[in-house]
Every structure is written in structure tokens, then in C-alpha cells.
Amino acid sequence: MNLAGFITHSKSLLKLTYPILIAQLIQNLMGFVDIVMAGRVSATDLAAVAVANSIWLPMILTISGLIMALAAIVSQLAGANKYSEIVEQTYQTAWIALVLGVALIGLYYLLVPILAPMVTLEGNLEELFFNYLGFIVWGAPGYCLYLVLRNYSEGLSYTKPTMIISVIGLLVNIPANYIFIYGKFGMPAYGGAGCGLATALVYWSMFISMLIYCFYSQVLKKANLFSAFYWPVAKEIKAIFSLGTPIALSLLFEVSLFAIVAIILVPFGAQVIASHQVALNFTSLVFMVPLSIAMATTIKVGFAIGNNNLKQARDYTRYSIILGLLLACLTAFITVVFREQIAGIYSTELPVIELAASLMLLAAVYQFSDTIQVVSAGALRGYKDTKSILYITFVSYWLVGLTVGLILGITDWIVPSMGAYGFWIGFIVGLTTAAVLLAWRLSVIQKRLQQSISLPNEVNSVN
């Protein structure tokens, strides 16, 4: 490895990465604030927020994955100095985002009359559940449009707005929760459902703030969104869907895998489920580090490909994986050494702490393969090779990881039933499979591009 090259590329990557990382952590903090403030009302209000989010988050994350395609599109066009096309592609993505955001509102009002008689939740949990979703869906168009502007800005290698707007979102979230959960300043006290209303306000405030930022930013003037207006173009929208849908579905596969495991563990008792959730919540926070590196890698690789600089794209891919693994050594060390103290933050029950701490040992192992797979996927997005991510993540997570987890967790076929341990070993196997296959796919794409270097038109259509 070229040490000087690694240091140079790492500095450039970290410059893009740290604002994204801070933004991701702030978004997690907003979720934490919702849980704490709703929990101060009652356990029922806390449960309503948790159950409603289990429905809401997979939907909004799927749309987020679709819109993430814009960052790869913009970075490649920026590398090729095609700034007018960046504006057009951003508008086309905005039309998609607007339609999907409004569709979520329509979906809620269409399905609630059908599902309400079928849902049986104790006490006023059912009312809080539906009220929360009824509030938050009105923020969907704002959040989807914010994601468009975020990916537009990040695709132009300008990630600081993401961090700044996230801070604004947090500053809106806390007082809005206070007002609508507890009924302050003459507002009704909606309890846990008030978190949904507060979050909807956060979504719109983030979109409006980002829109103002884009209007006044001198850095973004080279691809000025306000210089032209574009109506929807079916051909362009179809191309964006083709690139973004695999990203969206791969995100859904990952989120739903962890959700389904929590459901399967229900018969093992509340303490096992609690331990699983504690370990999962902490490792989700740690995952923000390689995920942020992956998002920065998408931008760097995409720009290099757009500039027809295949060597630079390979260098950024290689060095970003190395950087991620070095940081994984640090996070794994912290996880192993402080696992009991970390578990103690979440729970005061000794059995929960002990089991969660044991699961964190397994989590420390898969942080390395998790880093390789997520950064490799980020690089592949930069190459606009997203269908392979979909196929590989489906096979790795659902066919390999879940199968191993089921065999080890609830059967005696190989060893006596291991419960939660078996599923976490399944996570390790699944993530390792994804890491190997995604890294292999990267090498295939890079070799294919190298062979077609004399045919520049092929660079923009690798799949």
C-alpha cells in the first residue's frame, strides 16, 4: 500500500465523511429524544412510538434508498462537467420524491379504514398508534424533497449542508416534542402521538432550510437549481428508477431482516428480546461510521468515473475500505472493552446486561465484514452498478444469514438451539458473504472498465 496515497485519499474522504456522520448521528439522536420524551408520559405512549416507527421507518427508508441514486448520478455528471444535466436530473428526482411523498399520505387514508378493525392493541395504544402515523405522513413530501436536495448537494461533494440542516432539525424537534406531547402553549396534549406531529414539522423545516441554503450557496451556483425548470420526463424518470430501485430494495432487505429476527425471538422471552434490541441499537450507532464512509466513497468514485479517471476510482475504492477497516478496529475495541458498561446504559436488569454484552462480542466480529460490504456497496453505487447490490444483499442476508440463524437459533440440527446467539452468528455469516461477493463484484466492474478504456461511452453504462 502507498502510505502517502492512503493519507492523501483518506483526508479527502474524511472531509466528505465527517459532516455525513454527524448528520446521521443527529438523526439517531432525534429518535432517541422521541423515545425519552414519550416515555416520560407513559409506557403505553412509548410503545405507540416504537410500534408506529416499525411501520414508518421501512417505508421512508425505502424511498430514501431510491433517492440515493441521485448522488451517484450527480457525482458522475459533475466529474464530466455536465452541470446543466445535474439540474435536470435533480428536478426529475424531485418529481419522483413528490409523488412518493404524497402517495404515503394517500396510502395512510386508504388503508386505515381497512386495517383499523383488524388491529387490536390494548388500552389507548391503538389510538396513539394511528394518530402518530396520521401526523407523520404529512411530513413525508417535505422529507422526500429534502432528501433530493441533500443528495444533489452531496453529489457535488458538498456535505456540510447535510450536517447544518440536521442540527436545525434537532433544534426544531425538541421544542416541538415538548409542545405537542405535553400540550404546552395552548396546544392539545397528544402524548406519544405528538412525536409524529413534531417529526412532520422537522421534515418540512429541514426541506425549507435546505431549499434556502441551495438558493444562497455560492458553492452550488455551478449547478444552479433555480436557473431552469423541468417538467417530468418519462424516459429520465424510468432511468432513475432503474438505478435507485435496487438500492431501495437492498436497504429494505437489511432493515426487514433485523425486524424479522426480533419477531422470531418473541417466544424466548422479554429479556432475550430486550438484550437483542440493546445490542442492535448500539451496533446501529457504530454502523453510522462505515455507512458515512460508504456515502463519501459513492461521491468520490462517481466523480472519478465521470472524469474518466479509472485509476482514481480504484484508489478511492481501495483506500476507503482500508480506512473503514482501521476505524472498525477502533470501534470493535471499544465494543469489546466497554460492552458491559454500554449495555448498562440501556438496562438495569443484570440478565439483560449479560446477554447484551455477550451479543456485542459477536457484533465486534461482524463490524469488519460489515465495513467491507457497506463500503463496497457505496463504491458500486459510484460505478452505477446497483442491480448487483440487490441480488447479493438478498442472497447474503435472507438466503444465507437468516437460514444460518434459523438453523442455529431454533433447531437442534447442528448444535442445541442457541437462541439469540444463533441469529447473531447468522448475521456474521450473512454479512461476511455479502462482503466477499460485493468485493468480488467490484473487481469485476473495475476490470471490465479497464478493458473498455478505449471505448469511453461504455463508462457511463456499466451494469
Protein backbone atom coordinates (compact mmCIF):
# COMPACT_ATOMS: atom_id res chain seq x y z
CA MET A 1 0.00 0.00 0.00
CA ASN A 2 1.22 3.50 -0.87
CA LEU A 3 1.20 5.25 2.52
CA ALA A 4 1.35 8.75 1.05
CA GLY A 5 -1.52 7.94 -1.31
CA PHE A 6 -3.55 6.45 1.54
CA ILE A 7 -3.08 9.57 3.69
CA THR A 8 -3.99 11.92 0.82
CA HIS A 9 -7.09 9.98 -0.18
CA SER A 10 -8.14 9.46 3.45
CA LYS A 11 -8.02 13.20 4.15
CA SER A 12 -10.19 13.86 1.13
CA LEU A 13 -12.63 11.10 2.14
CA LEU A 14 -12.83 12.24 5.76
CA LYS A 15 -13.56 15.80 4.65
CA LEU A 16 -16.71 14.48 3.00
CA THR A 17 -17.41 11.84 5.64
CA TYR A 18 -17.48 13.76 8.91
CA PRO A 19 -20.46 16.04 8.09
CA ILE A 20 -22.44 13.00 6.88
CA LEU A 21 -21.51 11.07 10.04
CA ILE A 22 -22.56 13.94 12.31
CA ALA A 23 -25.84 14.26 10.40
CA GLN A 24 -26.52 10.52 10.73
CA LEU A 25 -25.81 10.60 14.47
CA ILE A 26 -28.09 13.62 14.94
CA GLN A 27 -30.91 11.81 13.16
CA ASN A 28 -30.43 8.88 15.54
CA LEU A 29 -30.42 11.35 18.42
CA MET A 30 -33.79 12.70 17.27
CA GLY A 31 -35.21 9.18 17.50
CA PHE A 32 -33.70 8.85 20.99
CA VAL A 33 -35.29 12.15 22.04
CA ASP A 34 -38.70 10.94 20.80
CA ILE A 35 -38.39 7.75 22.85
CA VAL A 36 -37.28 9.51 26.04
CA MET A 37 -39.90 12.30 25.88
CA ALA A 38 -42.75 9.91 25.01
CA GLY A 39 -41.61 7.50 27.72
CA ARG A 40 -41.98 10.24 30.33
CA VAL A 41 -45.73 10.27 29.63
CA SER A 42 -46.30 6.53 29.97
CA ALA A 43 -45.08 3.13 28.82
CA THR A 44 -48.11 3.00 26.50
CA ASP A 45 -47.04 6.21 24.74
CA LEU A 46 -43.52 4.85 24.40
CA ALA A 47 -44.85 1.60 22.95
CA ALA A 48 -47.03 3.53 20.47
CA VAL A 49 -43.99 5.40 19.14
CA ALA A 50 -41.98 2.18 18.86
CA VAL A 51 -44.73 0.21 17.08
CA ALA A 52 -45.59 3.07 14.71
CA ASN A 53 -41.93 3.55 13.81
CA SER A 54 -41.62 -0.14 12.99
CA ILE A 55 -44.18 0.56 10.24
CA TRP A 56 -42.99 4.02 9.20
CA LEU A 57 -39.20 3.60 9.05
CA PRO A 58 -39.06 0.75 6.50
CA MET A 59 -41.29 2.76 4.15
CA ILE A 60 -39.40 6.03 4.40
CA LEU A 61 -36.00 4.29 4.28
CA THR A 62 -37.04 2.50 1.08
CA ILE A 63 -37.86 5.84 -0.55
CA SER A 64 -34.59 7.23 0.83
CA GLY A 65 -32.70 4.40 -0.88
CA LEU A 66 -34.38 5.21 -4.19
CA ILE A 67 -33.44 8.89 -3.95
CA MET A 68 -29.83 7.97 -3.04
CA ALA A 69 -29.34 7.18 -6.73
CA LEU A 70 -29.20 10.94 -7.34
CA ALA A 71 -25.85 11.27 -5.52
CA ALA A 72 -24.23 8.80 -7.93
CA ILE A 73 -25.84 10.49 -10.94
CA VAL A 74 -24.79 13.98 -9.85
CA SER A 75 -21.21 12.98 -8.94
CA GLN A 76 -20.63 11.36 -12.35
CA LEU A 77 -22.11 14.36 -14.18
CA ALA A 78 -20.00 16.73 -12.05
CA GLY A 79 -16.88 14.76 -12.95
CA ALA A 80 -17.81 15.20 -16.62
CA ASN A 81 -18.60 18.94 -16.11
CA LYS A 82 -22.22 18.43 -17.27
CA TYR A 83 -23.78 20.84 -14.80
CA SER A 84 -26.93 21.60 -16.79
CA GLU A 85 -27.74 17.88 -16.79
CA ILE A 86 -27.31 17.84 -13.00
CA VAL A 87 -30.11 20.40 -12.68
CA GLU A 88 -32.39 18.38 -14.97
CA GLN A 89 -31.72 15.09 -13.14
CA THR A 90 -32.37 16.76 -9.79
CA TYR A 91 -35.74 18.03 -10.99
CA GLN A 92 -36.68 14.58 -12.34
CA THR A 93 -35.78 13.02 -8.97
CA ALA A 94 -37.77 15.74 -7.20
CA TRP A 95 -40.88 14.79 -9.18
CA ILE A 96 -40.41 11.17 -8.08
CA ALA A 97 -39.93 12.25 -4.47
CA LEU A 98 -43.01 14.49 -4.50
CA VAL A 99 -45.24 11.77 -5.95
CA LEU A 100 -43.98 9.15 -3.48
CA GLY A 101 -44.34 11.53 -0.53
CA VAL A 102 -47.93 12.37 -1.44
CA ALA A 103 -48.59 8.67 -2.12
CA LEU A 104 -47.68 7.86 1.51
CA ILE A 105 -50.39 10.27 2.67
CA GLY A 106 -52.91 8.66 0.33
CA LEU A 107 -51.82 5.19 1.42
CA TYR A 108 -52.50 6.03 5.05
CA TYR A 109 -56.02 7.29 4.43
CA LEU A 110 -56.73 4.39 2.09
CA LEU A 111 -55.55 1.64 4.43
CA VAL A 112 -56.58 2.91 7.87
CA PRO A 113 -60.33 2.26 7.38
CA ILE A 114 -59.44 -1.26 6.24
CA LEU A 115 -56.82 -2.07 8.87
CA ALA A 116 -58.30 -0.31 11.92
CA PRO A 117 -60.95 -3.01 12.63
CA MET A 118 -58.24 -5.68 12.26
CA VAL A 119 -55.74 -4.08 14.66
CA THR A 120 -56.28 -4.95 18.31
CA LEU A 121 -53.91 -3.10 20.64
CA GLU A 122 -54.52 -2.80 24.35
CA GLY A 123 -55.82 0.35 26.03
CA ASN A 124 -55.37 3.59 24.11
CA LEU A 125 -52.28 2.20 22.36
CA GLU A 126 -54.29 1.70 19.17
CA GLU A 127 -55.46 5.34 19.12
CA LEU A 128 -51.95 6.65 19.76
CA PHE A 129 -50.54 4.35 17.06
CA PHE A 130 -52.90 5.57 14.33
CA ASN A 131 -52.66 9.21 15.44
CA TYR A 132 -48.86 9.09 15.28
CA LEU A 133 -48.94 7.73 11.71
CA GLY A 134 -51.70 10.18 10.80
CA PHE A 135 -49.47 13.09 11.84
CA ILE A 136 -46.13 11.93 10.47
CA VAL A 137 -47.36 11.07 6.96
CA TRP A 138 -47.99 14.78 6.33
CA GLY A 139 -44.25 15.33 6.66
CA ALA A 140 -43.42 12.73 4.01
CA PRO A 141 -43.40 15.07 0.97
CA GLY A 142 -41.16 17.53 2.81
CA TYR A 143 -38.70 14.85 3.86
CA CYS A 144 -38.58 13.26 0.40
CA LEU A 145 -37.87 16.64 -1.21
CA TYR A 146 -35.21 17.34 1.44
CA LEU A 147 -33.52 14.05 0.51
CA VAL A 148 -33.40 15.20 -3.12
CA LEU A 149 -31.64 18.45 -2.19
CA ARG A 150 -29.32 16.58 0.18
CA ASN A 151 -28.22 14.09 -2.47
CA TYR A 152 -27.86 16.90 -5.02
CA SER A 153 -25.54 18.78 -2.67
CA GLU A 154 -23.60 15.68 -1.60
CA GLY A 155 -23.22 14.59 -5.22
CA LEU A 156 -21.44 17.91 -5.84
CA SER A 157 -19.03 16.95 -2.99
CA TYR A 158 -20.61 19.49 -0.65
CA THR A 159 -21.69 17.64 2.51
CA LYS A 160 -21.65 20.40 5.14
CA PRO A 161 -25.27 21.44 4.45
CA THR A 162 -26.35 17.94 5.47
CA MET A 163 -24.77 18.46 8.89
CA ILE A 164 -26.07 22.02 9.33
CA ILE A 165 -29.65 21.16 8.35
CA SER A 166 -29.64 18.15 10.70
CA VAL A 167 -28.75 20.48 13.58
CA ILE A 168 -31.68 22.70 12.59
CA GLY A 169 -33.91 19.62 12.56
CA LEU A 170 -32.83 18.70 16.10
CA LEU A 171 -33.43 22.27 17.31
CA VAL A 172 -36.98 22.08 15.94
CA ASN A 173 -37.57 18.54 17.19
CA ILE A 174 -37.02 19.09 20.92
CA PRO A 175 -39.36 22.10 21.45
CA ALA A 176 -41.95 20.67 19.04
CA ASN A 177 -42.00 17.43 21.03
CA TYR A 178 -42.35 19.43 24.25
CA ILE A 179 -45.29 21.40 22.88
CA PHE A 180 -47.26 18.60 21.23
CA ILE A 181 -46.51 15.69 23.60
CA TYR A 182 -47.26 17.59 26.81
CA GLY A 183 -49.73 20.18 25.44
CA LYS A 184 -47.87 23.43 26.04
CA PHE A 185 -48.61 26.98 24.80
CA GLY A 186 -52.29 26.22 24.35
CA MET A 187 -51.74 23.16 22.14
CA PRO A 188 -53.54 19.84 22.85
CA ALA A 189 -51.53 17.16 24.68
CA TYR A 190 -51.22 14.38 22.11
CA GLY A 191 -48.89 12.21 24.20
CA GLY A 192 -46.68 9.87 22.18
CA ALA A 193 -48.65 10.72 19.03
CA GLY A 194 -47.29 14.25 19.36
CA CYS A 195 -43.89 12.89 18.32
CA GLY A 196 -45.40 12.21 14.90
CA LEU A 197 -46.59 15.80 14.55
CA ALA A 198 -43.23 17.12 15.76
CA THR A 199 -41.37 14.90 13.30
CA ALA A 200 -43.58 16.11 10.42
CA LEU A 201 -42.65 19.70 11.34
CA VAL A 202 -38.98 18.69 11.46
CA TYR A 203 -39.23 17.20 7.96
CA TRP A 204 -40.69 20.37 6.47
CA SER A 205 -38.27 22.64 8.35
CA MET A 206 -35.33 20.61 7.01
CA PHE A 207 -36.64 20.86 3.44
CA ILE A 208 -37.29 24.62 3.66
CA SER A 209 -33.90 25.23 5.30
CA MET A 210 -32.13 23.18 2.63
CA LEU A 211 -34.00 25.00 -0.14
CA ILE A 212 -32.92 28.37 1.27
CA TYR A 213 -29.34 27.06 1.61
CA CYS A 214 -29.28 25.93 -2.02
CA PHE A 215 -30.64 29.30 -3.16
CA TYR A 216 -27.98 31.37 -1.42
CA SER A 217 -24.98 28.98 -1.56
CA GLN A 218 -22.24 30.22 -3.88
CA VAL A 219 -20.67 26.76 -3.99
CA LEU A 220 -23.81 25.26 -5.52
CA LYS A 221 -24.21 28.01 -8.14
CA LYS A 222 -22.24 25.99 -10.72
CA ALA A 223 -25.28 23.70 -10.93
CA ASN A 224 -27.89 26.32 -10.06
CA LEU A 225 -31.25 24.66 -9.46
CA PHE A 226 -33.03 27.98 -9.91
CA SER A 227 -31.61 28.65 -13.36
CA ALA A 228 -34.20 26.47 -15.12
CA PHE A 229 -37.35 24.43 -14.56
CA TYR A 230 -38.01 20.93 -15.86
CA TRP A 231 -41.31 19.07 -16.11
CA PRO A 232 -41.32 15.28 -15.66
CA VAL A 233 -39.76 13.28 -18.49
CA ALA A 234 -40.81 9.63 -18.52
CA LYS A 235 -37.54 8.37 -20.01
CA GLU A 236 -35.41 10.13 -17.38
CA ILE A 237 -37.66 9.05 -14.52
CA LYS A 238 -37.52 5.45 -15.71
CA ALA A 239 -33.69 5.59 -15.73
CA ILE A 240 -33.62 6.96 -12.17
CA PHE A 241 -36.00 4.23 -11.01
CA SER A 242 -33.80 1.63 -12.72
CA LEU A 243 -30.75 2.86 -10.81
CA GLY A 244 -32.47 3.61 -7.48
CA THR A 245 -34.87 0.70 -7.02
CA PRO A 246 -32.12 -1.88 -6.35
CA ILE A 247 -30.65 0.46 -3.70
CA ALA A 248 -34.09 0.89 -2.11
CA LEU A 249 -34.81 -2.84 -2.04
CA SER A 250 -31.37 -3.73 -0.66
CA LEU A 251 -31.97 -1.28 2.21
CA LEU A 252 -35.38 -2.84 2.79
CA PHE A 253 -33.85 -6.34 2.87
CA GLU A 254 -31.38 -5.28 5.56
CA VAL A 255 -33.90 -3.41 7.73
CA SER A 256 -36.53 -6.15 7.47
CA LEU A 257 -34.00 -8.87 8.34
CA PHE A 258 -33.28 -7.39 11.77
CA ALA A 259 -37.01 -6.73 12.29
CA ILE A 260 -37.99 -10.32 11.49
CA VAL A 261 -35.35 -11.70 13.85
CA ALA A 262 -36.84 -9.64 16.69
CA ILE A 263 -40.24 -11.20 15.94
CA ILE A 264 -38.80 -14.74 15.81
CA LEU A 265 -37.16 -14.21 19.22
CA VAL A 266 -40.51 -13.37 20.90
CA PRO A 267 -41.02 -16.94 22.27
CA PHE A 268 -37.63 -16.74 24.03
CA GLY A 269 -38.96 -14.12 26.42
CA ALA A 270 -38.80 -10.39 27.11
CA GLN A 271 -35.24 -10.43 28.46
CA VAL A 272 -33.85 -12.07 25.30
CA ILE A 273 -35.71 -9.60 23.09
CA ALA A 274 -34.51 -6.68 25.22
CA SER A 275 -30.90 -7.90 25.05
CA HIS A 276 -31.17 -8.29 21.28
CA GLN A 277 -32.55 -4.75 20.93
CA VAL A 278 -29.85 -3.27 23.17
CA ALA A 279 -27.03 -4.87 21.19
CA LEU A 280 -28.72 -3.99 17.89
CA ASN A 281 -29.28 -0.35 18.85
CA PHE A 282 -25.64 0.15 19.81
CA THR A 283 -24.27 -1.60 16.73
CA SER A 284 -26.62 0.52 14.59
CA LEU A 285 -24.91 3.60 16.01
CA VAL A 286 -21.49 2.13 15.28
CA PHE A 287 -22.66 1.29 11.74
CA MET A 288 -23.01 5.02 11.05
CA VAL A 289 -19.20 5.20 10.71
CA PRO A 290 -18.73 2.80 7.75
CA LEU A 291 -22.06 3.94 6.26
CA SER A 292 -20.84 7.54 6.17
CA ILE A 293 -17.57 6.44 4.56
CA ALA A 294 -19.59 4.48 2.01
CA MET A 295 -21.66 7.55 1.11
CA ALA A 296 -18.48 9.60 0.67
CA THR A 297 -17.00 6.79 -1.45
CA THR A 298 -20.02 6.90 -3.77
CA ILE A 299 -19.36 10.59 -4.41
CA LYS A 300 -15.61 10.21 -4.96
CA VAL A 301 -15.87 7.16 -7.21
CA GLY A 302 -18.72 8.67 -9.19
CA PHE A 303 -16.78 11.89 -9.80
CA ALA A 304 -13.70 9.95 -10.89
CA ILE A 305 -15.75 7.81 -13.31
CA GLY A 306 -17.44 10.90 -14.73
CA ASN A 307 -13.96 12.38 -15.23
CA ASN A 308 -12.90 9.10 -16.93
CA ASN A 309 -10.19 8.61 -14.30
CA LEU A 310 -10.40 4.87 -13.65
CA LYS A 311 -7.24 4.74 -11.57
CA GLN A 312 -8.53 7.37 -9.17
CA ALA A 313 -11.81 5.47 -8.83
CA ARG A 314 -9.88 2.28 -7.96
CA ASP A 315 -7.68 4.15 -5.50
CA TYR A 316 -10.63 5.69 -3.67
CA THR A 317 -12.32 2.30 -3.51
CA ARG A 318 -9.27 0.56 -2.08
CA TYR A 319 -8.31 3.29 0.37
CA SER A 320 -11.87 3.80 1.62
CA ILE A 321 -12.09 0.10 2.53
CA ILE A 322 -8.73 0.26 4.32
CA LEU A 323 -9.80 3.43 6.17
CA GLY A 324 -13.07 1.76 7.15
CA LEU A 325 -11.27 -1.32 8.47
CA LEU A 326 -8.87 0.80 10.54
CA LEU A 327 -11.81 2.62 12.11
CA ALA A 328 -13.54 -0.75 12.61
CA CYS A 329 -10.54 -1.85 14.70
CA LEU A 330 -11.19 1.14 16.96
CA THR A 331 -14.96 0.64 17.24
CA ALA A 332 -14.55 -3.13 17.76
CA PHE A 333 -12.02 -2.47 20.54
CA ILE A 334 -14.43 -0.06 22.25
CA THR A 335 -17.28 -2.57 21.85
CA VAL A 336 -15.29 -5.42 23.42
CA VAL A 337 -13.73 -3.47 26.28
CA PHE A 338 -16.80 -1.45 27.31
CA ARG A 339 -19.60 -3.83 26.31
CA GLU A 340 -20.96 -4.29 29.85
CA GLN A 341 -20.90 -0.57 30.61
CA ILE A 342 -22.63 0.17 27.29
CA ALA A 343 -25.33 -2.42 27.98
CA GLY A 344 -25.78 -0.91 31.44
CA ILE A 345 -26.79 2.41 29.85
CA TYR A 346 -29.81 0.73 28.27
CA SER A 347 -30.92 -1.53 31.11
CA THR A 348 -30.57 -2.08 34.85
CA GLU A 349 -31.53 -5.78 34.71
CA LEU A 350 -28.45 -7.99 35.14
CA PRO A 351 -29.60 -10.84 32.81
CA VAL A 352 -30.29 -8.32 30.03
CA ILE A 353 -26.90 -6.67 30.51
CA GLU A 354 -25.04 -10.00 30.48
CA LEU A 355 -26.73 -11.33 27.35
CA ALA A 356 -26.45 -7.99 25.52
CA ALA A 357 -22.75 -7.81 26.41
CA SER A 358 -22.24 -11.33 25.01
CA LEU A 359 -24.03 -10.40 21.78
CA MET A 360 -21.81 -7.33 21.48
CA LEU A 361 -18.79 -9.64 21.32
CA LEU A 362 -20.32 -11.18 18.20
CA ALA A 363 -21.13 -7.68 16.93
CA ALA A 364 -17.45 -6.75 17.28
CA VAL A 365 -16.60 -9.63 14.92
CA TYR A 366 -19.03 -8.64 12.18
CA GLN A 367 -18.02 -4.96 12.23
CA PHE A 368 -15.16 -5.86 9.87
CA SER A 369 -17.24 -7.69 7.28
CA ASP A 370 -19.98 -5.07 7.70
CA THR A 371 -17.45 -2.38 6.84
CA ILE A 372 -16.25 -4.18 3.71
CA GLN A 373 -19.76 -4.87 2.44
CA VAL A 374 -21.19 -1.38 3.01
CA VAL A 375 -18.17 0.47 1.60
CA SER A 376 -18.03 -1.89 -1.39
CA ALA A 377 -21.72 -1.22 -1.99
CA GLY A 378 -21.02 2.53 -1.80
CA ALA A 379 -18.28 2.18 -4.41
CA LEU A 380 -20.57 0.14 -6.67
CA ARG A 381 -23.18 2.91 -6.47
CA GLY A 382 -20.47 5.29 -7.66
CA TYR A 383 -19.92 2.98 -10.64
CA LYS A 384 -23.74 2.97 -11.15
CA ASP A 385 -23.77 -0.80 -10.65
CA THR A 386 -26.74 -1.18 -8.33
CA LYS A 387 -28.53 -4.32 -9.52
CA SER A 388 -25.68 -6.49 -8.28
CA ILE A 389 -26.08 -4.93 -4.81
CA LEU A 390 -29.74 -6.00 -4.80
CA TYR A 391 -29.02 -9.61 -5.79
CA ILE A 392 -26.05 -10.00 -3.47
CA THR A 393 -27.74 -8.50 -0.40
CA PHE A 394 -30.87 -10.62 -0.91
CA VAL A 395 -28.85 -13.84 -1.18
CA SER A 396 -26.47 -12.91 1.65
CA TYR A 397 -29.00 -11.60 4.18
CA TRP A 398 -32.10 -13.67 3.55
CA LEU A 399 -30.92 -16.92 1.98
CA VAL A 400 -27.61 -17.31 3.82
CA GLY A 401 -27.73 -15.19 7.00
CA LEU A 402 -31.34 -15.87 8.03
CA THR A 403 -31.09 -19.57 7.15
CA VAL A 404 -27.98 -20.00 9.30
CA GLY A 405 -29.66 -18.02 12.08
CA LEU A 406 -32.79 -20.17 11.98
CA ILE A 407 -30.80 -23.43 11.98
CA LEU A 408 -28.55 -22.39 14.88
CA GLY A 409 -31.15 -20.33 16.76
CA ILE A 410 -34.25 -22.52 16.88
CA THR A 411 -33.28 -26.03 15.78
CA ASP A 412 -31.06 -28.82 17.13
CA TRP A 413 -29.85 -29.89 13.68
CA ILE A 414 -26.18 -28.98 14.21
CA VAL A 415 -25.94 -27.89 17.86
CA PRO A 416 -28.53 -27.45 20.61
CA SER A 417 -30.74 -24.42 19.98
CA MET A 418 -28.64 -21.29 20.60
CA GLY A 419 -31.44 -18.70 20.67
CA ALA A 420 -30.26 -15.14 20.08
CA TYR A 421 -26.62 -16.27 19.72
CA GLY A 422 -27.55 -18.38 16.71
CA PHE A 423 -29.14 -15.46 14.91
CA TRP A 424 -26.18 -13.20 15.59
CA ILE A 425 -23.84 -15.85 14.20
CA GLY A 426 -26.19 -15.81 11.20
CA PHE A 427 -25.62 -12.04 10.93
CA ILE A 428 -21.86 -12.65 10.86
CA VAL A 429 -22.15 -15.32 8.15
CA GLY A 430 -24.57 -13.23 6.08
CA LEU A 431 -22.53 -10.04 6.28
CA THR A 432 -19.31 -11.92 5.51
CA THR A 433 -20.95 -13.48 2.47
CA ALA A 434 -22.06 -10.02 1.32
CA ALA A 435 -18.56 -8.62 1.90
CA VAL A 436 -16.92 -11.34 -0.22
CA LEU A 437 -19.46 -11.13 -3.06
CA LEU A 438 -19.57 -7.33 -3.21
CA ALA A 439 -15.77 -7.08 -3.18
CA TRP A 440 -15.67 -9.68 -5.98
CA ARG A 441 -18.25 -7.70 -7.98
CA LEU A 442 -16.16 -4.57 -7.55
CA SER A 443 -13.12 -6.27 -9.05
CA VAL A 444 -15.26 -7.49 -11.97
CA ILE A 445 -16.54 -3.97 -12.70
CA GLN A 446 -13.09 -2.44 -12.44
CA LYS A 447 -11.58 -5.00 -14.81
CA ARG A 448 -14.44 -4.55 -17.26
CA LEU A 449 -13.97 -0.79 -17.27
CA GLN A 450 -10.22 -1.15 -17.70
CA GLN A 451 -10.75 -3.39 -20.72
CA SER A 452 -13.15 -0.88 -22.27
CA ILE A 453 -10.98 2.16 -21.60
CA SER A 454 -10.67 2.74 -25.33
CA LEU A 455 -14.49 2.96 -25.53
CA PRO A 456 -15.35 5.95 -23.26
CA ASN A 457 -19.09 5.70 -23.94
CA GLU A 458 -19.22 2.40 -22.09
CA VAL A 459 -18.03 4.01 -18.89
CA ASN A 460 -21.41 5.53 -18.17
CA SER A 461 -23.44 2.38 -18.72
CA VAL A 462 -21.81 -0.34 -16.67
CA ASN A 463 -24.30 -2.78 -15.19
